Amino acid sequence: MIPVHINLEIPYTCNGTERAHEGEVRAVNGQLQVYNGAMFEPIRSTAWVNDIDLETVVEWCKQKMEQELREQQMAEQFPAFAKAKENYDTIRRLVENELA
């Protein structure tokens, strides 16, 4: 298990010096902020924020990480799976661009 330490006093962005991505969340001076595509804005305490179940979010993250690891291992072991995943990822990006 990976230990997680939270210190909201340290500015943090997950992608280093790259430009922020829409939906990216960071903590600055004890305040959570989300990037809206143009700028970071504070996440206000609204009903949907208060209703988030942290255990559910963490469990989903664990399952997603396990799934991605399994897929990476299968791609290394089975070239056909790797190619199918590559094709899926390409088609997904094309469709997402078309819908944007």
N, C-alpha and C. Protein backbone atom coordinates (compact mmCIF):
# COMPACT_ATOMS: atom_id res chain seq x y z
N MET A 1 0.84 -1.17 0.00
CA MET A 1 0.00 0.00 0.00
C MET A 1 0.89 1.24 0.00
N ILE A 2 0.48 2.26 -0.70
CA ILE A 2 1.22 3.51 -0.79
C ILE A 2 0.70 4.46 0.28
N PRO A 3 1.58 4.94 1.17
CA PRO A 3 1.11 5.90 2.17
C PRO A 3 0.80 7.24 1.52
N VAL A 4 -0.26 7.88 1.97
CA VAL A 4 -0.66 9.18 1.43
C VAL A 4 -0.58 10.21 2.54
N HIS A 5 0.13 11.29 2.28
CA HIS A 5 0.24 12.38 3.23
C HIS A 5 -0.38 13.61 2.60
N ILE A 6 -1.26 14.27 3.33
CA ILE A 6 -1.93 15.46 2.81
C ILE A 6 -1.45 16.68 3.59
N ASN A 7 -0.90 17.65 2.87
CA ASN A 7 -0.48 18.91 3.46
C ASN A 7 -1.00 20.00 2.54
N LEU A 8 -2.14 20.57 2.86
CA LEU A 8 -2.76 21.55 1.99
C LEU A 8 -2.06 22.90 2.01
N GLU A 9 -0.96 23.03 2.75
CA GLU A 9 -0.23 24.29 2.78
C GLU A 9 0.78 24.38 1.64
N ILE A 10 1.08 23.27 0.99
CA ILE A 10 2.08 23.26 -0.08
C ILE A 10 1.36 23.31 -1.42
N PRO A 11 1.69 24.29 -2.29
CA PRO A 11 1.07 24.31 -3.63
C PRO A 11 1.38 23.01 -4.35
N TYR A 12 0.40 22.45 -5.00
CA TYR A 12 0.56 21.17 -5.68
C TYR A 12 -0.23 21.15 -6.97
N THR A 13 0.41 20.67 -8.02
CA THR A 13 -0.28 20.35 -9.26
C THR A 13 0.33 19.07 -9.77
N CYS A 14 -0.47 18.16 -10.26
CA CYS A 14 0.01 16.82 -10.57
C CYS A 14 0.84 16.74 -11.84
N ASN A 15 0.80 17.73 -12.70
CA ASN A 15 1.51 17.57 -13.97
C ASN A 15 2.75 18.45 -14.07
N GLY A 16 3.32 18.85 -12.95
CA GLY A 16 4.57 19.59 -12.96
C GLY A 16 4.43 20.96 -13.60
N THR A 17 5.32 21.26 -14.53
CA THR A 17 5.34 22.58 -15.13
C THR A 17 4.48 22.69 -16.38
N GLU A 18 3.85 21.60 -16.78
CA GLU A 18 2.98 21.64 -17.96
C GLU A 18 1.75 22.50 -17.68
N ARG A 19 1.09 22.90 -18.75
CA ARG A 19 -0.16 23.66 -18.61
C ARG A 19 -1.21 22.76 -17.96
N ALA A 20 -2.04 23.35 -17.13
CA ALA A 20 -3.07 22.60 -16.42
C ALA A 20 -4.10 22.03 -17.40
N HIS A 21 -4.72 20.93 -17.00
CA HIS A 21 -5.78 20.30 -17.78
C HIS A 21 -7.11 20.60 -17.11
N GLU A 22 -8.14 20.77 -17.91
CA GLU A 22 -9.46 21.06 -17.37
C GLU A 22 -9.88 19.96 -16.41
N GLY A 23 -10.32 20.35 -15.23
CA GLY A 23 -10.73 19.39 -14.20
C GLY A 23 -9.63 19.06 -13.22
N GLU A 24 -8.39 19.49 -13.49
CA GLU A 24 -7.28 19.23 -12.58
C GLU A 24 -7.52 19.94 -11.26
N VAL A 25 -7.20 19.26 -10.18
CA VAL A 25 -7.42 19.82 -8.84
C VAL A 25 -6.06 20.04 -8.19
N ARG A 26 -5.93 21.15 -7.47
CA ARG A 26 -4.70 21.42 -6.72
C ARG A 26 -5.07 22.03 -5.38
N ALA A 27 -4.11 21.98 -4.46
CA ALA A 27 -4.29 22.58 -3.14
C ALA A 27 -3.28 23.70 -3.00
N VAL A 28 -3.77 24.88 -2.64
CA VAL A 28 -2.90 26.04 -2.44
C VAL A 28 -3.35 26.75 -1.16
N ASN A 29 -2.42 26.90 -0.22
CA ASN A 29 -2.71 27.61 1.03
C ASN A 29 -3.96 27.10 1.72
N GLY A 30 -4.12 25.80 1.78
CA GLY A 30 -5.25 25.20 2.47
C GLY A 30 -6.56 25.23 1.72
N GLN A 31 -6.53 25.63 0.44
CA GLN A 31 -7.76 25.73 -0.36
C GLN A 31 -7.65 24.82 -1.57
N LEU A 32 -8.69 24.03 -1.81
CA LEU A 32 -8.74 23.21 -3.02
C LEU A 32 -9.23 24.05 -4.17
N GLN A 33 -8.55 23.92 -5.33
CA GLN A 33 -8.92 24.65 -6.53
C GLN A 33 -9.03 23.69 -7.69
N VAL A 34 -9.91 24.01 -8.65
CA VAL A 34 -10.09 23.20 -9.85
C VAL A 34 -9.87 24.09 -11.07
N TYR A 35 -9.22 23.51 -12.10
CA TYR A 35 -8.97 24.26 -13.33
C TYR A 35 -10.19 24.16 -14.23
N ASN A 36 -10.76 25.29 -14.63
CA ASN A 36 -11.99 25.30 -15.42
C ASN A 36 -11.74 25.45 -16.93
N GLY A 37 -10.48 25.35 -17.33
CA GLY A 37 -10.15 25.50 -18.74
C GLY A 37 -9.48 26.83 -19.02
N ALA A 38 -9.65 27.79 -18.12
CA ALA A 38 -9.04 29.10 -18.29
C ALA A 38 -8.23 29.49 -17.05
N MET A 39 -8.70 29.08 -15.89
CA MET A 39 -8.02 29.46 -14.64
C MET A 39 -8.42 28.50 -13.53
N PHE A 40 -7.62 28.50 -12.45
CA PHE A 40 -7.98 27.73 -11.27
C PHE A 40 -8.96 28.56 -10.45
N GLU A 41 -10.04 27.91 -10.01
CA GLU A 41 -11.00 28.60 -9.16
C GLU A 41 -11.25 27.75 -7.92
N PRO A 42 -11.55 28.39 -6.80
CA PRO A 42 -11.75 27.63 -5.56
C PRO A 42 -12.94 26.69 -5.66
N ILE A 43 -12.80 25.54 -5.03
CA ILE A 43 -13.93 24.61 -4.93
C ILE A 43 -14.71 25.05 -3.70
N ARG A 44 -15.90 25.49 -3.93
CA ARG A 44 -16.73 25.97 -2.83
C ARG A 44 -17.42 24.79 -2.16
N SER A 45 -17.75 24.96 -0.92
CA SER A 45 -18.44 23.91 -0.18
C SER A 45 -19.90 23.87 -0.61
N THR A 46 -20.18 23.07 -1.60
CA THR A 46 -21.55 22.93 -2.07
C THR A 46 -22.07 21.55 -1.69
N ALA A 47 -23.32 21.33 -1.92
CA ALA A 47 -23.94 20.05 -1.54
C ALA A 47 -23.22 18.87 -2.17
N TRP A 48 -22.86 18.99 -3.46
CA TRP A 48 -22.23 17.82 -4.10
C TRP A 48 -20.86 17.54 -3.54
N VAL A 49 -20.14 18.57 -3.08
CA VAL A 49 -18.83 18.34 -2.46
C VAL A 49 -19.02 17.66 -1.11
N ASN A 50 -19.99 18.10 -0.33
CA ASN A 50 -20.22 17.53 0.98
C ASN A 50 -20.74 16.10 0.90
N ASP A 51 -21.37 15.73 -0.21
CA ASP A 51 -21.93 14.39 -0.35
C ASP A 51 -20.92 13.35 -0.84
N ILE A 52 -19.70 13.77 -1.16
CA ILE A 52 -18.70 12.83 -1.67
C ILE A 52 -18.28 11.90 -0.54
N ASP A 53 -18.35 10.60 -0.81
CA ASP A 53 -17.93 9.60 0.16
C ASP A 53 -16.49 9.24 -0.16
N LEU A 54 -15.56 9.69 0.68
CA LEU A 54 -14.14 9.49 0.43
C LEU A 54 -13.78 8.01 0.29
N GLU A 55 -14.38 7.17 1.09
CA GLU A 55 -14.08 5.73 1.00
C GLU A 55 -14.46 5.18 -0.37
N THR A 56 -15.59 5.63 -0.92
CA THR A 56 -16.02 5.19 -2.24
C THR A 56 -15.03 5.64 -3.30
N VAL A 57 -14.57 6.88 -3.19
CA VAL A 57 -13.61 7.42 -4.15
C VAL A 57 -12.31 6.64 -4.08
N VAL A 58 -11.81 6.40 -2.89
CA VAL A 58 -10.55 5.67 -2.72
C VAL A 58 -10.69 4.25 -3.24
N GLU A 59 -11.80 3.60 -2.97
CA GLU A 59 -12.02 2.23 -3.46
C GLU A 59 -12.05 2.19 -4.98
N TRP A 60 -12.73 3.18 -5.59
CA TRP A 60 -12.77 3.25 -7.06
C TRP A 60 -11.35 3.42 -7.61
N CYS A 61 -10.56 4.29 -6.97
CA CYS A 61 -9.18 4.52 -7.42
C CYS A 61 -8.36 3.24 -7.34
N LYS A 62 -8.51 2.51 -6.25
CA LYS A 62 -7.78 1.25 -6.10
C LYS A 62 -8.16 0.27 -7.21
N GLN A 63 -9.46 0.14 -7.47
CA GLN A 63 -9.91 -0.77 -8.52
C GLN A 63 -9.39 -0.34 -9.89
N LYS A 64 -9.40 0.95 -10.16
CA LYS A 64 -8.92 1.47 -11.44
C LYS A 64 -7.43 1.21 -11.60
N MET A 65 -6.66 1.41 -10.55
CA MET A 65 -5.22 1.16 -10.60
C MET A 65 -4.94 -0.33 -10.83
N GLU A 66 -5.69 -1.21 -10.16
CA GLU A 66 -5.52 -2.65 -10.36
C GLU A 66 -5.86 -3.05 -11.78
N GLN A 67 -6.94 -2.48 -12.32
CA GLN A 67 -7.35 -2.77 -13.70
C GLN A 67 -6.26 -2.33 -14.68
N GLU A 68 -5.72 -1.12 -14.50
CA GLU A 68 -4.69 -0.63 -15.40
C GLU A 68 -3.43 -1.49 -15.32
N LEU A 69 -3.08 -1.95 -14.12
CA LEU A 69 -1.92 -2.83 -13.97
C LEU A 69 -2.15 -4.16 -14.67
N ARG A 70 -3.34 -4.74 -14.50
CA ARG A 70 -3.68 -6.00 -15.18
C ARG A 70 -3.60 -5.83 -16.70
N GLU A 71 -4.14 -4.73 -17.21
CA GLU A 71 -4.11 -4.49 -18.65
C GLU A 71 -2.69 -4.31 -19.15
N GLN A 72 -1.85 -3.64 -18.38
CA GLN A 72 -0.45 -3.47 -18.77
C GLN A 72 0.26 -4.82 -18.81
N GLN A 73 0.02 -5.67 -17.81
CA GLN A 73 0.63 -6.99 -17.77
C GLN A 73 0.15 -7.85 -18.95
N MET A 74 -1.16 -7.78 -19.26
CA MET A 74 -1.68 -8.55 -20.39
C MET A 74 -1.10 -8.05 -21.70
N ALA A 75 -0.93 -6.74 -21.83
CA ALA A 75 -0.37 -6.17 -23.05
C ALA A 75 1.07 -6.62 -23.24
N GLU A 76 1.82 -6.75 -22.15
CA GLU A 76 3.20 -7.22 -22.24
C GLU A 76 3.25 -8.70 -22.62
N GLN A 77 2.28 -9.45 -22.15
CA GLN A 77 2.28 -10.90 -22.39
C GLN A 77 1.62 -11.28 -23.72
N PHE A 78 0.62 -10.53 -24.15
CA PHE A 78 -0.13 -10.87 -25.35
C PHE A 78 -0.11 -9.70 -26.34
N PRO A 79 0.69 -9.80 -27.40
CA PRO A 79 0.79 -8.72 -28.38
C PRO A 79 -0.56 -8.36 -29.02
N ALA A 80 -1.42 -9.34 -29.21
CA ALA A 80 -2.73 -9.06 -29.81
C ALA A 80 -3.55 -8.16 -28.89
N PHE A 81 -3.46 -8.38 -27.58
CA PHE A 81 -4.17 -7.53 -26.63
C PHE A 81 -3.61 -6.12 -26.67
N ALA A 82 -2.30 -6.00 -26.74
CA ALA A 82 -1.65 -4.68 -26.82
C ALA A 82 -2.13 -3.92 -28.05
N LYS A 83 -2.21 -4.60 -29.19
CA LYS A 83 -2.66 -3.95 -30.42
C LYS A 83 -4.13 -3.55 -30.32
N ALA A 84 -4.96 -4.43 -29.77
CA ALA A 84 -6.38 -4.12 -29.61
C ALA A 84 -6.57 -2.91 -28.70
N LYS A 85 -5.81 -2.84 -27.62
CA LYS A 85 -5.89 -1.71 -26.70
C LYS A 85 -5.42 -0.43 -27.39
N GLU A 86 -4.37 -0.53 -28.17
CA GLU A 86 -3.88 0.63 -28.91
C GLU A 86 -4.95 1.13 -29.89
N ASN A 87 -5.59 0.21 -30.61
CA ASN A 87 -6.65 0.59 -31.54
C ASN A 87 -7.83 1.22 -30.80
N TYR A 88 -8.21 0.63 -29.67
CA TYR A 88 -9.30 1.19 -28.87
C TYR A 88 -8.98 2.60 -28.42
N ASP A 89 -7.77 2.81 -27.90
CA ASP A 89 -7.38 4.14 -27.43
C ASP A 89 -7.41 5.16 -28.57
N THR A 90 -6.96 4.76 -29.75
CA THR A 90 -6.95 5.66 -30.91
C THR A 90 -8.38 6.03 -31.31
N ILE A 91 -9.25 5.03 -31.40
CA ILE A 91 -10.64 5.28 -31.79
C ILE A 91 -11.34 6.13 -30.74
N ARG A 92 -11.06 5.87 -29.47
CA ARG A 92 -11.67 6.66 -28.39
C ARG A 92 -11.28 8.13 -28.52
N ARG A 93 -9.98 8.40 -28.75
CA ARG A 93 -9.52 9.79 -28.89
C ARG A 93 -10.19 10.45 -30.09
N LEU A 94 -10.31 9.73 -31.20
CA LEU A 94 -10.96 10.29 -32.39
C LEU A 94 -12.42 10.64 -32.11
N VAL A 95 -13.12 9.75 -31.45
CA VAL A 95 -14.54 10.00 -31.14
C VAL A 95 -14.67 11.16 -30.16
N GLU A 96 -13.80 11.20 -29.12
CA GLU A 96 -13.87 12.30 -28.17
C GLU A 96 -13.60 13.64 -28.86
N ASN A 97 -12.65 13.66 -29.79
CA ASN A 97 -12.37 14.90 -30.54
C ASN A 97 -13.56 15.30 -31.39
N GLU A 98 -14.23 14.31 -31.97
CA GLU A 98 -15.40 14.60 -32.80
C GLU A 98 -16.54 15.17 -31.97
N LEU A 99 -16.69 14.68 -30.74
CA LEU A 99 -17.77 15.13 -29.87
C LEU A 99 -17.47 16.49 -29.23
N ALA A 100 -16.19 16.85 -29.16
CA ALA A 100 -15.80 18.12 -28.51
C ALA A 100 -16.18 19.33 -29.33
